Structure formats: structure tokens, C-alpha cells
């Protein structure tokens, strides 16, 4: 795969549109059954009697959907070197069957690594929102990217 995005290509304030995904009932139930089988993730009747009043996606399911969009629209083709993690992850609103989620990444700051030559760090605010602008997931992520190689003369 050809690398088209290096650390130098990220600027504070830059916003990346990461596309969208529709959350289906079957996906919610399948993810819930496999990973987090709480009644409001796997059973419509039980979910109606829950505080959510209906079936909802697990927050971790929403985070996985975000990560897939982040990979497809930003990491693929980049000089990604992994991530030390995320902080301040918040599930702000329930995600229901049929909802469309739009993902974005906003660059908060960049820095050159003081310990690893050829690497830079990018801190971003990662979000998933409904088309009406209501944010359902927000977290701060840190990612490492290789710096652009020096041209050979």
C-alpha cells in the first residue's frame, strides 16, 4: 500500500470527515450477543422495559463502528504507527436501530517525538454524531505517525 499521509500532513484544527455507517438491528443484537449480552442490547421486549425504552447498541459497538470508519478514511494509506490509547471516552446518547452515524476526527495538537526519531504524535477529538448533529460518542485519541522521509539527493 502506498503511504499518502505522514505526520507532517496533520495541522491543528484540521477536521477529517470519516464517512458514515448505518446501525442495523441485526448488527446491534449480533454484537450484543457476542460481546455484551445485556437485555437492552439483545432482546427487544426486555429493552422496552429498560431505562432506554428500546433496543440500543452497546457503547463498545459504537466505538468499533467509529474505529472502522477511522481506519477506512484516515489510517489506510497513512504512515500509522499505532496508538498509546484514548481518554475521556463518553457515550453521550443511545444509538438505536436504523440510525446513521457520521464520524469525524479533529486535530487538537501535533508534536515531534522527543524519544523516537522519525515519529510524531497527533492528538485528535474523535466523534460519532447523528445527521442532526447530536454527538453520540466522543473521545480523545492519540496516534503515532511516521514523519515524511527526507528526500535522497
C-alpha atoms as a PDB file:
ATOM      1  CA  UNK A   1       0.000   0.000   0.000  1.00  0.00           C
ATOM      2  CA  UNK A   2       1.286   3.442  -0.896  1.00  0.00           C
ATOM      3  CA  UNK A   3       1.639   5.847   2.024  1.00  0.00           C
ATOM      4  CA  UNK A   4      -0.017   9.167   1.255  1.00  0.00           C
ATOM      5  CA  UNK A   5      -0.308  10.749   4.724  1.00  0.00           C
ATOM      6  CA  UNK A   6       2.530  11.380   7.168  1.00  0.00           C
ATOM      7  CA  UNK A   7       2.758  13.237  10.480  1.00  0.00           C
ATOM      8  CA  UNK A   8       3.557  16.474   8.599  1.00  0.00           C
ATOM      9  CA  UNK A   9       0.147  16.308   6.907  1.00  0.00           C
ATOM     10  CA  UNK A  10      -1.762  16.927  10.158  1.00  0.00           C
ATOM     11  CA  UNK A  11      -2.477  20.517  11.270  1.00  0.00           C
ATOM     12  CA  UNK A  12      -4.142  21.805  14.418  1.00  0.00           C
ATOM     13  CA  UNK A  13      -7.821  22.491  13.747  1.00  0.00           C
ATOM     14  CA  UNK A  14      -7.964  20.214  10.702  1.00  0.00           C
ATOM     15  CA  UNK A  15     -11.174  18.164  10.525  1.00  0.00           C
ATOM     16  CA  UNK A  16     -11.381  14.827   8.758  1.00  0.00           C
ATOM     17  CA  UNK A  17     -14.778  13.567   7.576  1.00  0.00           C
ATOM     18  CA  UNK A  18     -14.619   9.830   8.161  1.00  0.00           C
ATOM     19  CA  UNK A  19     -17.840   8.865   6.409  1.00  0.00           C
ATOM     20  CA  UNK A  20     -20.901   7.237   7.893  1.00  0.00           C
ATOM     21  CA  UNK A  21     -22.407   3.892   8.847  1.00  0.00           C
ATOM     22  CA  UNK A  22     -25.970   2.775   9.444  1.00  0.00           C
ATOM     23  CA  UNK A  23     -26.517   0.759  12.608  1.00  0.00           C
ATOM     24  CA  UNK A  24     -28.866  -2.152  11.930  1.00  0.00           C
ATOM     25  CA  UNK A  25     -30.961  -4.036  14.463  1.00  0.00           C
ATOM     26  CA  UNK A  26     -29.276  -7.286  13.457  1.00  0.00           C
ATOM     27  CA  UNK A  27     -25.816  -5.778  13.991  1.00  0.00           C
ATOM     28  CA  UNK A  28     -26.816  -4.468  17.435  1.00  0.00           C
ATOM     29  CA  UNK A  29     -28.171  -7.849  18.510  1.00  0.00           C
ATOM     30  CA  UNK A  30     -25.268  -9.821  16.992  1.00  0.00           C
ATOM     31  CA  UNK A  31     -22.654  -7.623  18.671  1.00  0.00           C
ATOM     32  CA  UNK A  32     -24.572  -7.707  21.937  1.00  0.00           C
ATOM     33  CA  UNK A  33     -24.936 -11.491  21.939  1.00  0.00           C
ATOM     34  CA  UNK A  34     -21.279 -11.982  21.175  1.00  0.00           C
ATOM     35  CA  UNK A  35     -19.733  -9.399  23.488  1.00  0.00           C
ATOM     36  CA  UNK A  36     -22.124  -7.677  25.913  1.00  0.00           C
ATOM     37  CA  UNK A  37     -25.395  -9.605  26.271  1.00  0.00           C
ATOM     38  CA  UNK A  38     -27.250  -7.099  28.417  1.00  0.00           C
ATOM     39  CA  UNK A  39     -31.009  -7.297  27.765  1.00  0.00           C
ATOM     40  CA  UNK A  40     -31.238  -3.811  26.180  1.00  0.00           C
ATOM     41  CA  UNK A  41     -28.651  -4.904  23.557  1.00  0.00           C
ATOM     42  CA  UNK A  42     -30.115  -8.309  22.658  1.00  0.00           C
ATOM     43  CA  UNK A  43     -33.847  -8.534  23.397  1.00  0.00           C
ATOM     44  CA  UNK A  44     -36.458  -6.059  22.119  1.00  0.00           C
ATOM     45  CA  UNK A  45     -39.098  -6.982  24.718  1.00  0.00           C
ATOM     46  CA  UNK A  46     -36.700  -6.592  27.645  1.00  0.00           C
ATOM     47  CA  UNK A  47     -35.263  -3.427  26.088  1.00  0.00           C
ATOM     48  CA  UNK A  48     -38.729  -1.792  26.036  1.00  0.00           C
ATOM     49  CA  UNK A  49     -38.851  -2.165  29.832  1.00  0.00           C
ATOM     50  CA  UNK A  50     -35.321  -0.803  30.303  1.00  0.00           C
ATOM     51  CA  UNK A  51     -34.423   2.815  31.087  1.00  0.00           C
ATOM     52  CA  UNK A  52     -33.728   3.200  27.347  1.00  0.00           C
ATOM     53  CA  UNK A  53     -37.248   2.243  26.255  1.00  0.00           C
ATOM     54  CA  UNK A  54     -35.961   0.114  23.390  1.00  0.00           C
ATOM     55  CA  UNK A  55     -33.065  -1.709  21.820  1.00  0.00           C
ATOM     56  CA  UNK A  56     -29.750   0.195  21.815  1.00  0.00           C
ATOM     57  CA  UNK A  57     -26.246  -0.507  20.585  1.00  0.00           C
ATOM     58  CA  UNK A  58     -23.517  -1.141  23.095  1.00  0.00           C
ATOM     59  CA  UNK A  59     -21.181   1.807  23.507  1.00  0.00           C
ATOM     60  CA  UNK A  60     -18.351  -0.530  22.592  1.00  0.00           C
ATOM     61  CA  UNK A  61     -20.195  -1.406  19.373  1.00  0.00           C
ATOM     62  CA  UNK A  62     -20.399   2.309  18.582  1.00  0.00           C
ATOM     63  CA  UNK A  63     -16.670   2.665  19.308  1.00  0.00           C
ATOM     64  CA  UNK A  64     -15.933  -0.250  16.960  1.00  0.00           C
ATOM     65  CA  UNK A  65     -18.010   1.369  14.204  1.00  0.00           C
ATOM     66  CA  UNK A  66     -16.035   4.575  14.695  1.00  0.00           C
ATOM     67  CA  UNK A  67     -12.717   2.722  14.519  1.00  0.00           C
ATOM     68  CA  UNK A  68     -13.686   1.037  11.249  1.00  0.00           C
ATOM     69  CA  UNK A  69     -14.557   4.408   9.684  1.00  0.00           C
ATOM     70  CA  UNK A  70     -11.366   5.952  11.114  1.00  0.00           C
ATOM     71  CA  UNK A  71      -9.342   3.164   9.546  1.00  0.00           C
ATOM     72  CA  UNK A  72     -11.075   3.317   6.157  1.00  0.00           C
ATOM     73  CA  UNK A  73     -10.981   7.100   5.773  1.00  0.00           C
ATOM     74  CA  UNK A  74      -7.779   8.118   7.552  1.00  0.00           C
ATOM     75  CA  UNK A  75      -5.465   5.308   8.672  1.00  0.00           C
ATOM     76  CA  UNK A  76      -5.499   3.235   5.488  1.00  0.00           C
ATOM     77  CA  UNK A  77      -2.727   4.630   3.347  1.00  0.00           C
ATOM     78  CA  UNK A  78      -1.213   6.608   6.202  1.00  0.00           C
ATOM     79  CA  UNK A  79       2.102   6.103   7.941  1.00  0.00           C
ATOM     80  CA  UNK A  80       0.290   4.999  11.106  1.00  0.00           C
ATOM     81  CA  UNK A  81       2.476   3.615  13.870  1.00  0.00           C
ATOM     82  CA  UNK A  82      -0.288   2.699  16.310  1.00  0.00           C
ATOM     83  CA  UNK A  83      -1.732   4.442  19.333  1.00  0.00           C
ATOM     84  CA  UNK A  84      -0.999   4.570  23.050  1.00  0.00           C
ATOM     85  CA  UNK A  85      -4.730   4.852  23.732  1.00  0.00           C
ATOM     86  CA  UNK A  86      -7.736   7.065  24.222  1.00  0.00           C
ATOM     87  CA  UNK A  87      -9.051   9.140  27.097  1.00  0.00           C
ATOM     88  CA  UNK A  88     -12.295  10.787  28.084  1.00  0.00           C
ATOM     89  CA  UNK A  89     -14.437   8.301  26.147  1.00  0.00           C
ATOM     90  CA  UNK A  90     -18.083   9.300  26.541  1.00  0.00           C
ATOM     91  CA  UNK A  91     -21.234   7.672  25.241  1.00  0.00           C
ATOM     92  CA  UNK A  92     -23.467  10.742  25.174  1.00  0.00           C
ATOM     93  CA  UNK A  93     -26.677   9.392  23.630  1.00  0.00           C
ATOM     94  CA  UNK A  94     -28.046   5.901  22.961  1.00  0.00           C
ATOM     95  CA  UNK A  95     -27.687   4.554  19.434  1.00  0.00           C
ATOM     96  CA  UNK A  96     -30.825   2.898  18.090  1.00  0.00           C
ATOM     97  CA  UNK A  97     -31.507   0.563  15.165  1.00  0.00           C
ATOM     98  CA  UNK A  98     -31.606   2.324  11.810  1.00  0.00           C
ATOM     99  CA  UNK A  99     -29.629   5.362  12.920  1.00  0.00           C
ATOM    100  CA  UNK A 100     -26.889   6.721  10.713  1.00  0.00           C
ATOM    101  CA  UNK A 101     -23.667   7.701  12.453  1.00  0.00           C
ATOM    102  CA  UNK A 102     -21.253  10.197  10.905  1.00  0.00           C
ATOM    103  CA  UNK A 103     -17.676  10.062  12.156  1.00  0.00           C
ATOM    104  CA  UNK A 104     -15.070  12.802  12.305  1.00  0.00           C
ATOM    105  CA  UNK A 105     -11.593  13.432  13.658  1.00  0.00           C
ATOM    106  CA  UNK A 106     -10.419  16.915  14.636  1.00  0.00           C
ATOM    107  CA  UNK A 107      -6.708  17.523  15.153  1.00  0.00           C
ATOM    108  CA  UNK A 108      -6.139  19.122  18.551  1.00  0.00           C
ATOM    109  CA  UNK A 109      -2.324  19.179  18.588  1.00  0.00           C
ATOM    110  CA  UNK A 110       0.725  17.665  16.991  1.00  0.00           C
ATOM    111  CA  UNK A 111       4.254  17.161  18.302  1.00  0.00           C
ATOM    112  CA  UNK A 112       7.512  15.598  17.210  1.00  0.00           C
ATOM    113  CA  UNK A 113       8.569  12.668  19.348  1.00  0.00           C
ATOM    114  CA  UNK A 114      11.420  13.504  21.698  1.00  0.00           C
ATOM    115  CA  UNK A 115      12.269   9.821  22.141  1.00  0.00           C
ATOM    116  CA  UNK A 116      11.697   8.153  18.768  1.00  0.00           C
ATOM    117  CA  UNK A 117      13.407   9.561  15.710  1.00  0.00           C
ATOM    118  CA  UNK A 118      11.168   9.753  12.676  1.00  0.00           C
ATOM    119  CA  UNK A 119       7.889   9.725  14.610  1.00  0.00           C
ATOM    120  CA  UNK A 120       5.315  12.338  15.532  1.00  0.00           C
ATOM    121  CA  UNK A 121       2.245  12.339  17.735  1.00  0.00           C
ATOM    122  CA  UNK A 122      -1.212  13.578  16.751  1.00  0.00           C
ATOM    123  CA  UNK A 123      -3.921  14.140  19.364  1.00  0.00           C
ATOM    124  CA  UNK A 124      -7.461  14.203  17.969  1.00  0.00           C
ATOM    125  CA  UNK A 125     -11.046  14.537  19.140  1.00  0.00           C
ATOM    126  CA  UNK A 126     -12.896  11.592  17.655  1.00  0.00           C
ATOM    127  CA  UNK A 127     -16.692  11.792  17.360  1.00  0.00           C
ATOM    128  CA  UNK A 128     -19.705   9.947  16.020  1.00  0.00           C
ATOM    129  CA  UNK A 129     -22.831  12.019  15.521  1.00  0.00           C
ATOM    130  CA  UNK A 130     -26.255  11.567  14.046  1.00  0.00           C
ATOM    131  CA  UNK A 131     -27.005  13.575  10.875  1.00  0.00           C
ATOM    132  CA  UNK A 132     -28.926  16.090  13.046  1.00  0.00           C
ATOM    133  CA  UNK A 133     -25.615  16.930  14.757  1.00  0.00           C
ATOM    134  CA  UNK A 134     -26.285  15.159  18.056  1.00  0.00           C
ATOM    135  CA  UNK A 135     -22.995  13.621  19.182  1.00  0.00           C
ATOM    136  CA  UNK A 136     -23.392  10.057  20.471  1.00  0.00           C
ATOM    137  CA  UNK A 137     -19.713   9.206  21.065  1.00  0.00           C
ATOM    138  CA  UNK A 138     -16.741  11.430  21.872  1.00  0.00           C
ATOM    139  CA  UNK A 139     -13.192  10.567  22.900  1.00  0.00           C
ATOM    140  CA  UNK A 140      -9.707  11.988  22.713  1.00  0.00           C
ATOM    141  CA  UNK A 141      -7.302   9.748  20.850  1.00  0.00           C
ATOM    142  CA  UNK A 142      -3.558   9.887  20.478  1.00  0.00           C
ATOM    143  CA  UNK A 143      -1.920   8.392  17.415  1.00  0.00           C
ATOM    144  CA  UNK A 144       1.652   7.945  16.254  1.00  0.00           C
ATOM    145  CA  UNK A 145       2.601   8.582  12.632  1.00  0.00           C
ATOM    146  CA  UNK A 146       5.913   8.291  10.828  1.00  0.00           C
ATOM    147  CA  UNK A 147       7.478  11.519   9.685  1.00  0.00           C
ATOM    148  CA  UNK A 148       7.997  12.049   5.970  1.00  0.00           C
ATOM    149  CA  UNK A 149      11.318  10.579   4.855  1.00  0.00           C
ATOM    150  CA  UNK A 150      13.976  13.055   3.800  1.00  0.00           C
ATOM    151  CA  UNK A 151      14.418  13.139   0.045  1.00  0.00           C
ATOM    152  CA  UNK A 152      17.528  11.396  -1.203  1.00  0.00           C
ATOM    153  CA  UNK A 153      19.728  13.656  -3.295  1.00  0.00           C
END
